[in-house]
Amino acid sequence: MRRPLLVLLALIAGCGDDDGPKGGSRIDAAPLIDADPYCAAANSYGGFPNCTVCDMAMTGCDEIDVNGSTSKVCDCTGGCPCGLSCGSIEIAPNLFVDDVCTR
């Protein structure tokens, strides 16, 4: 009788938590971004040097200028790539570009 109980306890102990991350549904995108060479090119707000990542994710691609630095950002039409999430980027004081994928 002891052996089946030990097997059952071992099976229960091996089961992981499958209901998502603790502390809310927001997931840190950094590991996903750093793991993919295309995604690793994302800048601090989620902009890329070209539209390749957006094209692979089948989303639109927009060019934005933030403080004189131009980059491409994916729009939210097809889902955000690289663990980014749909949001807004402030391109100048009180001037925002909405519905783009950001960090």
Protein backbone atom coordinates (compact mmCIF):
# COMPACT_ATOMS: atom_id res chain seq x y z
CA MET A 1 0.00 0.00 0.00
CA ARG A 2 2.89 2.33 0.65
CA ARG A 3 4.31 2.12 -2.88
CA PRO A 4 1.17 3.40 -4.73
CA LEU A 5 0.93 6.30 -2.29
CA LEU A 6 4.56 7.29 -2.98
CA VAL A 7 3.96 7.09 -6.73
CA LEU A 8 0.88 9.28 -6.39
CA LEU A 9 2.78 11.83 -4.30
CA ALA A 10 5.62 11.85 -6.83
CA LEU A 11 3.18 12.49 -9.66
CA ILE A 12 1.48 15.30 -7.77
CA ALA A 13 4.84 16.89 -6.86
CA GLY A 14 5.89 16.79 -10.52
CA CYS A 15 2.84 18.71 -11.68
CA GLY A 16 3.54 22.36 -12.33
CA ASP A 17 1.35 25.39 -11.97
CA ASP A 18 -0.38 25.76 -15.34
CA ASP A 19 -2.55 28.78 -14.67
CA GLY A 20 -0.04 31.42 -15.79
CA PRO A 21 2.40 33.69 -14.03
CA LYS A 22 1.85 34.83 -10.47
CA GLY A 23 1.00 38.45 -9.76
CA GLY A 24 -1.11 39.26 -12.79
CA SER A 25 -1.17 38.54 -16.48
CA ARG A 26 1.60 40.89 -17.59
CA ILE A 27 4.56 38.87 -18.84
CA ASP A 28 8.08 40.27 -19.09
CA ALA A 29 8.88 40.43 -22.81
CA ALA A 30 12.66 40.71 -22.35
CA PRO A 31 13.47 36.96 -22.53
CA LEU A 32 11.42 36.54 -25.71
CA ILE A 33 12.90 39.65 -27.32
CA ASP A 34 16.48 38.68 -26.46
CA ALA A 35 16.05 35.08 -27.68
CA ASP A 36 15.22 35.99 -31.29
CA PRO A 37 17.85 37.87 -33.32
CA TYR A 38 15.15 39.84 -35.16
CA CYS A 39 13.49 40.78 -31.88
CA ALA A 40 16.80 41.64 -30.21
CA ALA A 41 17.06 44.61 -32.59
CA ALA A 42 14.08 46.30 -30.85
CA ASN A 43 14.96 49.60 -29.19
CA SER A 44 13.81 50.80 -25.77
CA TYR A 45 10.22 51.49 -26.88
CA GLY A 46 9.78 48.62 -29.36
CA GLY A 47 11.00 50.17 -32.61
CA PHE A 48 13.00 48.24 -35.21
CA PRO A 49 15.54 49.29 -37.85
CA ASN A 50 13.25 48.00 -40.63
CA CYS A 51 9.84 46.37 -41.18
CA THR A 52 11.07 42.75 -41.30
CA VAL A 53 9.66 41.76 -37.88
CA CYS A 54 6.31 43.42 -38.62
CA ASP A 55 6.12 41.68 -42.00
CA MET A 56 6.87 38.29 -40.42
CA ALA A 57 4.09 38.92 -37.86
CA MET A 58 1.77 40.00 -40.68
CA THR A 59 1.07 43.39 -39.11
CA GLY A 60 1.33 46.86 -40.54
CA CYS A 61 4.53 48.82 -40.16
CA ASP A 62 4.74 52.52 -39.35
CA GLU A 63 7.72 54.86 -39.33
CA ILE A 64 8.01 57.12 -36.31
CA ASP A 65 10.49 59.75 -35.19
CA VAL A 66 11.20 59.97 -31.47
CA ASN A 67 13.52 62.83 -30.54
CA GLY A 68 15.18 62.77 -33.95
CA SER A 69 15.66 59.00 -34.06
CA THR A 70 13.62 57.28 -36.77
CA SER A 71 12.52 53.67 -36.45
CA LYS A 72 9.80 51.30 -37.61
CA VAL A 73 7.08 50.08 -35.25
CA CYS A 74 4.51 47.37 -35.79
CA ASP A 75 0.88 48.37 -35.52
CA CYS A 76 -1.59 46.27 -33.56
CA THR A 77 -3.61 44.96 -36.53
CA GLY A 78 -2.23 41.43 -36.50
CA GLY A 79 -0.97 40.99 -32.96
CA CYS A 80 2.31 42.21 -31.58
CA PRO A 81 5.50 40.23 -32.24
CA CYS A 82 8.41 39.60 -29.87
CA GLY A 83 6.39 39.74 -26.68
CA LEU A 84 5.52 43.39 -27.26
CA SER A 85 2.06 44.67 -26.34
CA CYS A 86 -0.33 47.10 -27.95
CA GLY A 87 0.00 50.61 -26.56
CA SER A 88 1.12 54.17 -27.26
CA ILE A 89 4.49 55.84 -27.80
CA GLU A 90 5.09 59.48 -26.88
CA ILE A 91 6.98 60.95 -29.84
CA ALA A 92 7.06 64.51 -28.47
CA PRO A 93 5.74 66.12 -25.28
CA ASN A 94 2.01 65.34 -25.15
CA LEU A 95 2.05 63.90 -28.71
CA PHE A 96 1.35 60.16 -28.90
CA VAL A 97 1.17 57.51 -31.59
CA ASP A 98 -1.51 55.02 -30.53
CA ASP A 99 -2.20 51.38 -31.40
CA VAL A 100 1.42 50.38 -31.92
CA CYS A 101 3.40 47.53 -30.39
CA THR A 102 5.58 48.68 -27.49
CA ARG A 103 7.76 47.24 -24.74
